[in-house]
Amino acid sequence: MLPRETRPTLNLELRLKDGAHRCEGRVEVKHQGEWGTVDHGYWRVKDASVVCRQLECGAAIGFPGRAYFGPGLGPIWLLHTSCEGTESTVSDCRHSDIRDYRNDSYSHDRDAGVVCSGKSCLIWQGSSSRKSLCLITRMTQDYGL
């Protein structure tokens, strides 16, 4: 069962850090001017899909946890999110209270990650680009897709 969830009234600014390109990496949210991470405990493809949509990065093709993109620094702002997968932004999803969960013995070795298709991978019309093929090949090898 998921912990208590809230529907926020603020917009969460997002970014992906330490990936190979802007559409993959560790999920970070900005709260009170400080970037922090999201714990992977309840992280699902629906949550990753909303992150990719919000960042205009295409479809979610991976959602690795366990700090796959390296551990973040600073606070762990969200313990979990609960998206339906159709929301425009993570702010529209239910999620845990925004606070620093490091104080509750959570650590950055559980940071959530996202791999989005990126705009270049959405265009396959008869000719595939080398970049798209490399990205798809890497995802299938690294994430078991």
Protein backbone atom coordinates (compact mmCIF):
# COMPACT_ATOMS: atom_id res chain seq x y z
CA MET A 1 0.00 0.00 0.00
CA LEU A 2 1.26 3.46 -0.89
CA PRO A 3 1.97 5.97 1.87
CA ARG A 4 -0.25 9.01 2.27
CA GLU A 5 -0.52 10.99 -0.96
CA THR A 6 -1.25 14.61 -1.65
CA ARG A 7 -2.29 16.54 -4.72
CA PRO A 8 -0.02 19.60 -4.74
CA THR A 9 -0.96 23.16 -5.56
CA LEU A 10 2.51 24.06 -6.80
CA ASN A 11 4.32 23.32 -10.05
CA LEU A 12 7.32 21.06 -9.67
CA GLU A 13 10.23 21.96 -11.92
CA LEU A 14 11.95 18.81 -13.23
CA ARG A 15 15.22 17.87 -14.83
CA LEU A 16 17.11 14.71 -15.71
CA LYS A 17 20.76 14.60 -14.61
CA ASP A 18 23.82 12.53 -15.50
CA GLY A 19 22.38 10.74 -18.52
CA ALA A 20 23.90 10.58 -22.00
CA HIS A 21 21.50 13.28 -23.25
CA ARG A 22 18.86 15.64 -21.87
CA CYS A 23 16.11 13.01 -22.12
CA GLU A 24 17.61 10.44 -19.77
CA GLY A 25 19.00 10.56 -16.27
CA ARG A 26 18.28 10.75 -12.57
CA VAL A 27 14.95 12.47 -11.87
CA GLU A 28 15.39 15.69 -9.92
CA VAL A 29 12.78 18.17 -8.70
CA LYS A 30 13.28 21.74 -7.56
CA HIS A 31 11.68 22.81 -4.30
CA GLN A 32 12.32 26.08 -2.48
CA GLY A 33 15.13 26.85 -4.92
CA GLU A 34 17.03 23.59 -4.27
CA TRP A 35 17.30 20.54 -6.51
CA GLY A 36 16.67 17.14 -4.96
CA THR A 37 15.81 13.62 -6.04
CA VAL A 38 12.90 11.15 -6.09
CA ASP A 39 13.09 7.79 -4.31
CA HIS A 40 12.48 4.81 -6.60
CA GLY A 41 10.35 2.87 -4.12
CA TYR A 42 7.05 3.13 -6.01
CA TRP A 43 8.49 4.29 -9.34
CA ARG A 44 6.59 2.90 -12.35
CA VAL A 45 6.45 3.37 -16.10
CA LYS A 46 3.37 5.61 -15.65
CA ASP A 47 5.43 8.01 -13.51
CA ALA A 48 8.28 7.95 -16.02
CA SER A 49 5.82 8.63 -18.86
CA VAL A 50 4.64 11.83 -17.20
CA VAL A 51 8.24 12.98 -16.63
CA CYS A 52 9.04 12.43 -20.32
CA ARG A 53 5.86 14.27 -21.36
CA GLN A 54 6.59 17.22 -19.07
CA LEU A 55 10.13 17.54 -20.42
CA GLU A 56 8.96 17.12 -24.04
CA CYS A 57 11.19 14.09 -24.45
CA GLY A 58 8.88 11.62 -26.16
CA ALA A 59 7.83 8.31 -24.61
CA ALA A 60 9.25 6.57 -21.56
CA ILE A 61 11.32 3.56 -22.62
CA GLY A 62 12.97 2.86 -19.28
CA PHE A 63 12.63 3.72 -15.61
CA PRO A 64 15.68 2.41 -13.78
CA GLY A 65 15.97 2.77 -10.03
CA ARG A 66 18.72 2.08 -7.55
CA ALA A 67 20.61 5.22 -8.59
CA TYR A 68 21.36 3.82 -12.04
CA PHE A 69 22.53 7.29 -13.15
CA GLY A 70 24.52 7.80 -9.95
CA PRO A 71 23.41 9.07 -6.58
CA GLY A 72 22.14 12.62 -6.37
CA LEU A 73 23.21 15.30 -3.95
CA GLY A 74 21.11 17.28 -1.53
CA PRO A 75 17.59 16.46 -0.40
CA ILE A 76 15.39 13.55 -1.41
CA TRP A 77 12.26 15.62 -1.99
CA LEU A 78 9.77 12.91 -2.98
CA LEU A 79 9.36 9.47 -1.50
CA HIS A 80 6.95 8.43 -4.22
CA THR A 81 4.68 9.58 -7.00
CA SER A 82 1.46 7.98 -8.17
CA CYS A 83 0.68 8.98 -11.75
CA GLU A 84 -2.06 7.55 -13.94
CA GLY A 85 0.19 8.13 -16.95
CA THR A 86 -2.07 10.67 -18.64
CA GLU A 87 -1.12 13.76 -16.60
CA SER A 88 0.68 16.67 -18.28
CA THR A 89 3.09 17.24 -15.39
CA VAL A 90 4.25 15.48 -12.26
CA SER A 91 2.51 18.25 -10.31
CA ASP A 92 -0.78 16.80 -11.57
CA CYS A 93 0.03 13.38 -10.04
CA ARG A 94 -0.51 12.38 -6.45
CA HIS A 95 2.73 12.18 -4.50
CA SER A 96 4.20 12.09 -1.04
CA ASP A 97 4.64 15.27 0.93
CA ILE A 98 7.56 17.35 -0.32
CA ARG A 99 10.22 17.26 2.36
CA ASP A 100 13.74 15.94 2.84
CA TYR A 101 13.43 12.18 3.35
CA ARG A 102 17.13 11.80 4.17
CA ASN A 103 16.02 12.61 7.72
CA ASP A 104 13.98 9.35 7.63
CA SER A 105 16.99 7.17 6.79
CA TYR A 106 16.45 7.19 3.01
CA SER A 107 19.59 7.55 0.92
CA HIS A 108 20.50 8.47 -2.63
CA ASP A 109 21.26 4.85 -3.52
CA ARG A 110 17.50 4.61 -4.24
CA ASP A 111 17.22 7.55 -6.66
CA ALA A 112 14.78 7.10 -9.56
CA GLY A 113 15.81 7.43 -13.18
CA VAL A 114 14.07 7.86 -16.53
CA VAL A 115 14.98 7.07 -20.11
CA CYS A 116 12.82 8.83 -22.68
CA SER A 117 12.80 8.13 -26.39
CA GLY A 118 13.69 11.72 -27.20
CA LYS A 119 12.22 13.46 -30.24
CA SER A 120 14.77 11.97 -32.65
CA CYS A 121 13.66 8.43 -31.83
CA LEU A 122 10.03 9.11 -32.64
CA ILE A 123 10.70 9.65 -36.37
CA TRP A 124 11.22 6.35 -38.19
CA GLN A 125 9.50 7.11 -41.53
CA GLY A 126 11.41 4.76 -43.84
CA SER A 127 14.93 5.82 -42.88
CA SER A 128 16.37 5.35 -39.45
CA SER A 129 19.03 7.65 -38.17
CA ARG A 130 22.23 6.21 -36.72
CA LYS A 131 21.60 8.13 -33.48
CA SER A 132 18.15 6.56 -33.05
CA LEU A 133 19.46 3.07 -33.71
CA CYS A 134 22.25 3.54 -31.17
CA LEU A 135 19.78 4.79 -28.55
CA ILE A 136 17.35 1.91 -29.10
CA THR A 137 20.19 -0.66 -29.11
CA ARG A 138 21.59 0.73 -25.87
CA MET A 139 18.19 0.71 -24.16
CA THR A 140 17.51 -2.91 -25.05
CA GLN A 141 20.92 -3.99 -23.77
CA ASP A 142 21.07 -1.87 -20.62
CA TYR A 143 17.47 -2.14 -19.47
CA GLY A 144 16.44 -5.54 -20.79
CA LEU A 145 13.71 -4.09 -23.02
